[in-house]
Amino acid sequence: VVDCVSMLGVDARRSPAHELAQVPGIDSFHANQIAKQAAQGKFTNRAELLSHMQNLSEVATRQSIGFMRVFGSSETLDGTLVRGAGLAQLKALTDEMREVSGRYDVPILIDQEGGRVARLKPPVWSKFPSARQLAQAKGDSLRATYLSTRLLAAELVEVGINVDCLPLADIPVPGAHDIIGDRAFGLDAKTVSTHARAQANGLMDAGVIPVLKHIPGHGRAMLDSHEALPVVTASLAELEATDFKPFKELCDLPMGMTAHVVYNALDPERMATLSAKAIGYIRHDIGFDNLLMSDALWMKSMTGSYAERAQGALAAGCDVVLHCNGIHEPDTEILRATADACAPLSGKSLERALRAVQMPLTDVVFDAKEAKRELEIMLA
């Protein structure tokens, strides 16, 4: 292994896998593989090593990045198993996902918000407060939001989940459907923007990639988009002054998710997920030019076959689509047809995906015990 590191002209006193991962196109999964092969004497000289690494780099550049989403179930992940078994089971699953994909950095997603949206539940996992509870914490509510999210993220990292569909930056209005409700931090753009930023920081400081949702805003929806198609009739000026502001403030986040909502001011004919006009506005006016995924394809606000839904979202400008709940459509032939409708990532979409999964995550030193104590006081 030391010889392998020396061939690259790097400091042999540091971790070989860490150093190899600094080579363009080589992620940490392949770096570990190369280090093991070098230790077994596979590479006899620098030329052989560099040739092998170049081949890997070219393959990695062409390779589509698979997205996987983890859901709880009544039989496995939501608390019927003891903590140790539940953790080991889920960690084994995510390890196998990475092995099958051939990428250590494959995005494994979950909806773990806290409050009523939690795929991993007690008693196996911790119960975390809702966004509204955090925003109403005593004292420094932004600190409460950060600490709670940092603790939540630590539990995800422990089981190999590296993407969380947070923060939610929607702003509910009076009379709106409660599908957002207390999942939102507040009723004004500043409260939502600042707390969503704290939440994103809490995820990234633990090594988890955030997903900004639901772009460009689900707060005005009078219907639950899981069940029906909401139509927002507010003017563009009103939307830009309120609903769209948090997403513009947070447009630097690495991943985002669209809303299955029609905005008459953007496109009265199509929901944002399926509208080239709406996604063009998201890209150019809101300024979100990172990886954009659809909300779930199974939701009843969408029509047509799953393949048609996927093709529509991609044609409109989404980079990837989420077909994430086999409970709603367990037919493997339909799942395969949906996957076949999606071409491998390429061009800007591939660039955005690689940028997202390779973004530097800080892994800040964190005292979980002290954080829990501090958070309990603020939420008491």
Protein backbone atom coordinates (compact mmCIF):
# COMPACT_ATOMS: atom_id res chain seq x y z
CA VAL A 1 0.00 0.00 0.00
CA VAL A 2 2.86 2.39 0.79
CA ASP A 3 4.37 1.61 -2.63
CA CYS A 4 1.05 2.40 -4.25
CA VAL A 5 0.93 5.77 -2.51
CA SER A 6 4.54 6.53 -3.43
CA MET A 7 3.83 5.88 -7.10
CA LEU A 8 1.33 8.72 -7.02
CA GLY A 9 3.82 11.10 -5.50
CA VAL A 10 1.74 11.72 -2.38
CA ASP A 11 2.60 11.68 1.30
CA ALA A 12 2.95 8.03 2.32
CA ARG A 13 2.40 8.93 5.97
CA ARG A 14 -1.28 9.56 5.33
CA SER A 15 -4.11 7.14 4.55
CA PRO A 16 -3.60 5.53 1.10
CA ALA A 17 -7.34 5.41 0.44
CA HIS A 18 -7.67 9.08 1.39
CA GLU A 19 -4.85 10.09 -0.94
CA LEU A 20 -6.08 7.97 -3.83
CA ALA A 21 -9.52 9.51 -3.48
CA GLN A 22 -8.00 12.91 -4.27
CA VAL A 23 -7.18 11.76 -7.81
CA PRO A 24 -9.80 13.17 -10.26
CA GLY A 25 -12.48 10.60 -11.11
CA ILE A 26 -11.58 8.21 -8.28
CA ASP A 27 -14.07 8.08 -5.41
CA SER A 28 -13.32 6.61 -1.98
CA PHE A 29 -14.97 3.28 -2.82
CA HIS A 30 -12.61 2.68 -5.76
CA ALA A 31 -9.68 4.16 -3.84
CA ASN A 32 -10.04 1.45 -1.20
CA GLN A 33 -10.25 -1.19 -3.92
CA ILE A 34 -7.06 0.07 -5.57
CA ALA A 35 -5.21 0.19 -2.25
CA LYS A 36 -6.15 -3.43 -1.52
CA GLN A 37 -5.08 -4.54 -5.01
CA ALA A 38 -1.76 -2.73 -4.63
CA ALA A 39 -1.17 -4.45 -1.30
CA GLN A 40 -1.69 -7.78 -3.08
CA GLY A 41 1.01 -6.87 -5.63
CA LYS A 42 -1.28 -6.33 -8.62
CA PHE A 43 0.63 -3.24 -9.81
CA THR A 44 4.33 -3.69 -10.48
CA ASN A 45 5.09 -0.15 -11.60
CA ARG A 46 3.69 3.34 -11.77
CA ALA A 47 2.55 3.01 -15.40
CA GLU A 48 0.30 0.02 -14.59
CA LEU A 49 -1.25 1.84 -11.65
CA LEU A 50 -1.92 5.05 -13.57
CA SER A 51 -3.39 3.13 -16.51
CA HIS A 52 -5.75 1.28 -14.19
CA MET A 53 -6.81 4.52 -12.51
CA GLN A 54 -7.42 6.22 -15.85
CA ASN A 55 -9.71 3.39 -16.91
CA LEU A 56 -11.64 3.68 -13.66
CA SER A 57 -11.94 7.43 -14.06
CA GLU A 58 -13.39 7.11 -17.57
CA VAL A 59 -15.91 4.51 -16.43
CA ALA A 60 -16.94 6.62 -13.46
CA THR A 61 -17.51 9.63 -15.70
CA ARG A 62 -19.81 7.65 -18.00
CA GLN A 63 -21.58 5.77 -15.27
CA SER A 64 -25.08 6.79 -14.24
CA ILE A 65 -25.51 7.47 -10.56
CA GLY A 66 -28.28 5.38 -9.03
CA PHE A 67 -30.59 6.93 -6.46
CA MET A 68 -32.11 4.72 -3.80
CA ARG A 69 -34.68 5.67 -1.20
CA VAL A 70 -35.17 3.97 2.15
CA PHE A 71 -38.62 3.54 3.67
CA GLY A 72 -39.67 2.11 7.00
CA SER A 73 -42.06 -0.82 7.17
CA SER A 74 -44.11 -2.34 9.94
CA GLU A 75 -42.05 -5.51 9.80
CA THR A 76 -38.51 -4.22 9.70
CA LEU A 77 -37.61 -0.63 10.34
CA ASP A 78 -40.24 1.14 12.38
CA GLY A 79 -39.59 -0.20 15.84
CA THR A 80 -40.59 -3.85 15.99
CA LEU A 81 -36.95 -4.92 16.19
CA VAL A 82 -34.58 -4.24 19.05
CA ARG A 83 -32.25 -1.31 18.46
CA GLY A 84 -29.14 -3.34 17.80
CA ALA A 85 -30.79 -5.65 15.28
CA GLY A 86 -32.56 -2.78 13.50
CA LEU A 87 -29.35 -0.83 13.09
CA ALA A 88 -27.40 -3.84 11.88
CA GLN A 89 -30.12 -4.81 9.43
CA LEU A 90 -30.38 -1.40 7.82
CA LYS A 91 -26.62 -0.90 7.72
CA ALA A 92 -26.25 -4.26 5.96
CA LEU A 93 -28.88 -3.16 3.44
CA THR A 94 -27.16 0.14 2.62
CA ASP A 95 -23.79 -1.62 2.41
CA GLU A 96 -25.26 -4.04 -0.12
CA MET A 97 -26.79 -1.16 -2.10
CA ARG A 98 -23.33 0.35 -2.45
CA GLU A 99 -21.80 -2.97 -3.42
CA VAL A 100 -24.44 -3.58 -6.09
CA SER A 101 -24.12 -0.06 -7.51
CA GLY A 102 -20.32 -0.17 -7.58
CA ARG A 103 -20.21 3.33 -6.10
CA TYR A 104 -19.36 4.16 -2.52
CA ASP A 105 -21.03 7.56 -2.98
CA VAL A 106 -24.34 6.28 -4.36
CA PRO A 107 -27.07 8.54 -2.96
CA ILE A 108 -29.32 6.65 -0.54
CA LEU A 109 -32.28 8.86 0.28
CA ILE A 110 -34.79 9.02 3.09
CA ASP A 111 -37.65 11.25 4.24
CA GLN A 112 -36.64 11.79 7.85
CA GLU A 113 -37.93 15.22 8.81
CA GLY A 114 -38.92 14.82 12.43
CA GLY A 115 -42.47 15.26 13.65
CA ARG A 116 -45.03 13.26 11.69
CA VAL A 117 -42.75 12.52 8.74
CA ALA A 118 -40.31 9.87 9.93
CA ARG A 119 -39.44 6.60 8.21
CA LEU A 120 -37.24 5.49 11.10
CA LYS A 121 -39.27 5.51 14.30
CA PRO A 122 -39.04 4.77 18.02
CA PRO A 123 -38.15 2.65 19.83
CA VAL A 124 -35.42 1.68 17.38
CA TRP A 125 -34.66 5.28 16.44
CA SER A 126 -35.13 8.60 18.20
CA LYS A 127 -38.23 10.77 17.92
CA PHE A 128 -37.37 14.26 16.70
CA PRO A 129 -39.49 17.41 16.90
CA SER A 130 -41.33 18.93 13.96
CA ALA A 131 -40.07 22.03 12.19
CA ARG A 132 -42.75 24.16 13.85
CA GLN A 133 -41.73 22.93 17.31
CA LEU A 134 -38.11 23.80 16.59
CA ALA A 135 -38.95 27.30 15.38
CA GLN A 136 -40.88 27.87 18.61
CA ALA A 137 -38.08 26.65 20.89
CA LYS A 138 -37.00 28.80 23.83
CA GLY A 139 -34.06 31.08 23.34
CA ASP A 140 -32.06 30.51 20.16
CA SER A 141 -34.49 28.58 17.95
CA LEU A 142 -31.98 28.48 15.08
CA ARG A 143 -29.58 26.71 17.42
CA ALA A 144 -32.35 24.28 18.35
CA THR A 145 -32.99 23.57 14.68
CA TYR A 146 -29.32 22.95 14.02
CA LEU A 147 -28.84 20.67 17.03
CA SER A 148 -31.94 18.58 16.36
CA THR A 149 -31.01 18.11 12.70
CA ARG A 150 -27.40 17.32 13.55
CA LEU A 151 -28.54 14.60 15.96
CA LEU A 152 -31.00 13.24 13.38
CA ALA A 153 -28.28 13.17 10.72
CA ALA A 154 -25.94 11.26 13.02
CA GLU A 155 -28.48 8.44 13.20
CA LEU A 156 -28.70 8.36 9.39
CA VAL A 157 -24.93 8.23 8.97
CA GLU A 158 -24.77 5.35 11.45
CA VAL A 159 -26.85 3.19 9.10
CA GLY A 160 -25.28 4.36 5.83
CA ILE A 161 -27.92 6.86 4.64
CA ASN A 162 -26.27 9.88 3.06
CA VAL A 163 -29.15 12.00 1.68
CA ASP A 164 -32.16 13.37 3.57
CA CYS A 165 -35.12 15.05 1.87
CA LEU A 166 -34.77 18.20 3.97
CA PRO A 167 -35.06 21.12 4.38
CA LEU A 168 -38.69 21.85 3.63
CA ALA A 169 -38.91 25.54 2.70
CA ASP A 170 -42.64 25.82 2.02
CA ILE A 171 -44.68 28.65 3.58
CA PRO A 172 -48.26 27.65 4.46
CA VAL A 173 -51.07 30.18 4.11
CA PRO A 174 -54.34 30.29 6.08
CA GLY A 175 -56.77 27.71 4.74
CA ALA A 176 -54.11 25.62 2.99
CA HIS A 177 -54.22 21.85 3.24
CA ASP A 178 -52.47 20.52 6.33
CA ILE A 179 -50.15 18.29 4.28
CA ILE A 180 -47.50 20.94 4.99
CA GLY A 181 -48.79 22.36 8.29
CA ASP A 182 -46.31 21.93 11.13
CA ARG A 183 -43.72 20.53 8.75
CA ALA A 184 -43.04 24.21 7.91
CA PHE A 185 -40.95 26.38 10.21
CA GLY A 186 -43.32 29.32 10.05
CA LEU A 187 -45.59 31.58 8.04
CA ASP A 188 -43.07 34.11 6.75
CA ALA A 189 -40.14 33.92 4.37
CA LYS A 190 -37.45 35.04 6.82
CA THR A 191 -38.34 32.46 9.49
CA VAL A 192 -38.53 29.67 6.94
CA SER A 193 -35.33 30.67 5.12
CA THR A 194 -33.15 31.02 8.22
CA HIS A 195 -34.33 27.82 9.87
CA ALA A 196 -34.09 25.86 6.62
CA ARG A 197 -30.49 27.05 6.30
CA ALA A 198 -29.75 25.92 9.86
CA GLN A 199 -31.29 22.56 9.07
CA ALA A 200 -29.25 22.15 5.89
CA ASN A 201 -26.09 23.00 7.84
CA GLY A 202 -26.97 20.40 10.47
CA LEU A 203 -27.21 17.74 7.79
CA MET A 204 -24.05 18.72 5.94
CA ASP A 205 -22.00 19.01 9.13
CA ALA A 206 -22.80 15.35 9.75
CA GLY A 207 -21.95 14.27 6.20
CA VAL A 208 -25.53 14.08 4.87
CA ILE A 209 -26.60 15.79 1.63
CA PRO A 210 -29.74 17.99 1.94
CA VAL A 211 -32.61 18.07 -0.58
CA LEU A 212 -34.44 21.42 -0.77
CA LYS A 213 -38.19 20.92 -1.18
CA HIS A 214 -40.78 21.49 -2.59
CA ILE A 215 -39.53 23.90 -5.26
CA PRO A 216 -40.98 26.47 -5.98
CA GLY A 217 -43.36 26.11 -2.99
CA HIS A 218 -46.19 23.88 -1.75
CA GLY A 219 -47.51 26.15 1.01
CA ARG A 220 -50.50 27.57 -0.90
CA ALA A 221 -51.82 24.18 -1.98
CA MET A 222 -55.44 23.67 -0.92
CA LEU A 223 -55.19 19.99 -1.76
CA ASP A 224 -52.80 17.21 -0.77
CA SER A 225 -50.73 16.46 -3.87
CA HIS A 226 -50.49 12.84 -2.75
CA GLU A 227 -54.20 12.58 -3.45
CA ALA A 228 -55.08 15.29 -6.00
CA LEU A 229 -53.57 18.07 -8.13
CA PRO A 230 -53.41 21.46 -6.37
CA VAL A 231 -53.70 24.66 -8.41
CA VAL A 232 -52.23 27.92 -7.09
CA THR A 233 -53.84 31.05 -8.53
CA ALA A 234 -51.72 33.73 -6.80
CA SER A 235 -50.02 36.31 -9.01
CA LEU A 236 -46.34 36.07 -9.86
CA ALA A 237 -45.65 39.24 -7.86
CA GLU A 238 -47.25 37.71 -4.76
CA LEU A 239 -45.40 34.43 -5.18
CA GLU A 240 -42.06 36.18 -5.65
CA ALA A 241 -42.66 38.28 -2.54
CA THR A 242 -43.40 35.26 -0.36
CA ASP A 243 -43.46 31.62 -1.49
CA PHE A 244 -40.47 31.69 -3.82
CA LYS A 245 -38.17 33.71 -1.53
CA PRO A 246 -36.86 30.87 0.66
CA PHE A 247 -35.96 28.80 -2.40
CA LYS A 248 -34.07 31.72 -3.88
CA GLU A 249 -32.20 32.17 -0.58
CA LEU A 250 -31.30 28.47 -0.53
CA CYS A 251 -30.60 27.94 -4.23
CA ASP A 252 -27.00 26.91 -3.51
CA LEU A 253 -28.05 23.63 -1.85
CA PRO A 254 -26.86 20.57 -3.81
CA MET A 255 -30.20 18.84 -4.44
CA GLY A 256 -33.80 19.95 -4.78
CA MET A 257 -37.23 18.40 -5.25
CA THR A 258 -40.09 19.81 -7.31
CA ALA A 259 -43.69 20.34 -6.22
CA HIS A 260 -46.56 18.49 -7.88
CA VAL A 261 -48.48 21.78 -8.00
CA VAL A 262 -49.83 23.90 -10.86
CA TYR A 263 -48.90 27.60 -10.62
CA ASN A 264 -51.10 29.56 -12.98
CA ALA A 265 -48.55 32.39 -12.96
CA LEU A 266 -45.89 30.06 -14.39
CA ASP A 267 -47.83 27.51 -16.43
CA PRO A 268 -51.60 27.07 -16.08
CA GLU A 269 -51.51 23.83 -18.05
CA ARG A 270 -48.98 21.68 -16.18
CA MET A 271 -47.75 21.01 -12.66
CA ALA A 272 -44.24 22.33 -11.98
CA THR A 273 -42.74 18.84 -12.16
CA LEU A 274 -43.94 18.43 -15.75
CA SER A 275 -43.61 22.03 -16.91
CA ALA A 276 -40.62 23.23 -18.90
CA LYS A 277 -41.80 26.79 -18.20
CA ALA A 278 -41.89 26.26 -14.42
CA ILE A 279 -38.56 24.45 -14.33
CA GLY A 280 -37.06 27.13 -16.55
CA TYR A 281 -38.21 29.66 -13.94
CA ILE A 282 -36.69 27.52 -11.15
CA ARG A 283 -33.38 27.41 -12.99
CA HIS A 284 -33.11 30.99 -14.20
CA ASP A 285 -35.20 33.17 -11.88
CA ILE A 286 -34.99 31.30 -8.59
CA GLY A 287 -31.42 30.40 -9.52
CA PHE A 288 -31.43 26.72 -8.61
CA ASP A 289 -28.95 25.09 -11.00
CA ASN A 290 -28.12 22.01 -8.94
CA LEU A 291 -29.57 18.49 -9.10
CA LEU A 292 -33.36 18.67 -9.42
CA MET A 293 -35.49 15.59 -8.76
CA SER A 294 -39.22 15.12 -9.14
CA ASP A 295 -41.44 14.43 -6.20
CA ALA A 296 -42.69 10.83 -6.14
CA LEU A 297 -44.15 9.41 -9.34
CA TRP A 298 -46.77 7.34 -7.51
CA MET A 299 -48.62 10.41 -6.19
CA LYS A 300 -52.21 10.73 -7.41
CA SER A 301 -51.69 14.28 -8.63
CA MET A 302 -49.92 12.68 -11.62
CA THR A 303 -51.64 10.75 -14.42
CA GLY A 304 -50.56 8.31 -17.12
CA SER A 305 -48.28 5.30 -16.81
CA TYR A 306 -45.25 5.50 -14.57
CA ALA A 307 -43.04 5.50 -17.65
CA GLU A 308 -44.99 8.45 -19.08
CA ARG A 309 -44.72 10.32 -15.78
CA ALA A 310 -40.96 9.76 -15.67
CA GLN A 311 -40.47 10.80 -19.29
CA GLY A 312 -42.60 13.90 -18.75
CA ALA A 313 -40.59 15.05 -15.74
CA LEU A 314 -37.28 14.47 -17.48
CA ALA A 315 -38.44 16.21 -20.64
CA ALA A 316 -39.54 19.21 -18.58
CA GLY A 317 -36.07 19.58 -17.10
CA CYS A 318 -35.83 17.40 -13.99
CA ASP A 319 -32.46 15.67 -13.77
CA VAL A 320 -33.78 12.54 -12.06
CA VAL A 321 -37.16 11.18 -10.99
CA LEU A 322 -38.27 9.53 -7.77
CA HIS A 323 -40.19 6.29 -8.03
CA CYS A 324 -39.78 5.46 -4.44
CA ASN A 325 -42.62 3.46 -3.00
CA GLY A 326 -43.03 -0.13 -4.12
CA ILE A 327 -45.96 -0.49 -1.72
CA HIS A 328 -48.04 1.54 -4.17
CA GLU A 329 -46.79 -0.28 -7.26
CA PRO A 330 -45.13 -3.62 -6.43
CA ASP A 331 -45.31 -4.99 -9.99
CA THR A 332 -41.67 -5.49 -10.99
CA GLU A 333 -42.49 -5.26 -14.69
CA ILE A 334 -43.93 -1.78 -14.19
CA LEU A 335 -40.92 -0.80 -12.11
CA ARG A 336 -38.61 -2.07 -14.85
CA ALA A 337 -40.57 -0.20 -17.54
CA THR A 338 -40.28 2.99 -15.48
CA ALA A 339 -36.52 2.54 -15.15
CA ASP A 340 -36.22 1.81 -18.87
CA ALA A 341 -37.97 5.10 -19.60
CA CYS A 342 -35.09 6.95 -17.95
CA ALA A 343 -31.93 7.37 -20.01
CA PRO A 344 -28.54 7.27 -18.27
CA LEU A 345 -27.49 10.59 -16.77
CA SER A 346 -25.50 12.74 -19.16
CA GLY A 347 -24.59 16.34 -19.89
CA LYS A 348 -25.66 18.92 -17.31
CA SER A 349 -27.66 16.38 -15.34
CA LEU A 350 -24.61 14.18 -14.85
CA GLU A 351 -22.52 17.22 -13.92
CA ARG A 352 -25.08 18.22 -11.30
CA ALA A 353 -25.28 14.71 -9.88
CA LEU A 354 -21.52 14.36 -9.61
CA ARG A 355 -21.25 17.82 -8.08
CA ALA A 356 -23.85 16.89 -5.47
CA VAL A 357 -22.39 13.56 -4.39
CA GLN A 358 -18.83 14.88 -4.42
CA MET A 359 -19.58 18.09 -2.51
CA PRO A 360 -17.29 18.63 0.48
CA LEU A 361 -19.07 17.72 3.72
CA THR A 362 -17.56 19.15 6.85
CA ASP A 363 -17.91 16.29 9.41
CA VAL A 364 -17.73 18.80 12.28
CA VAL A 365 -16.73 17.49 15.71
CA PHE A 366 -19.93 17.17 17.72
CA ASP A 367 -20.79 16.27 21.31
CA ALA A 368 -24.10 14.43 20.93
CA LYS A 369 -24.69 14.04 24.66
CA GLU A 370 -24.27 17.76 25.31
CA ALA A 371 -26.40 18.59 22.25
CA LYS A 372 -29.28 16.44 23.53
CA ARG A 373 -29.09 18.11 26.94
CA GLU A 374 -29.10 21.59 25.41
CA LEU A 375 -31.96 20.74 23.03
CA GLU A 376 -34.12 19.28 25.81
CA ILE A 377 -33.84 22.54 27.77
CA MET A 378 -34.85 24.63 24.74
CA LEU A 379 -37.84 22.39 23.95
CA ALA A 380 -39.07 21.99 27.54
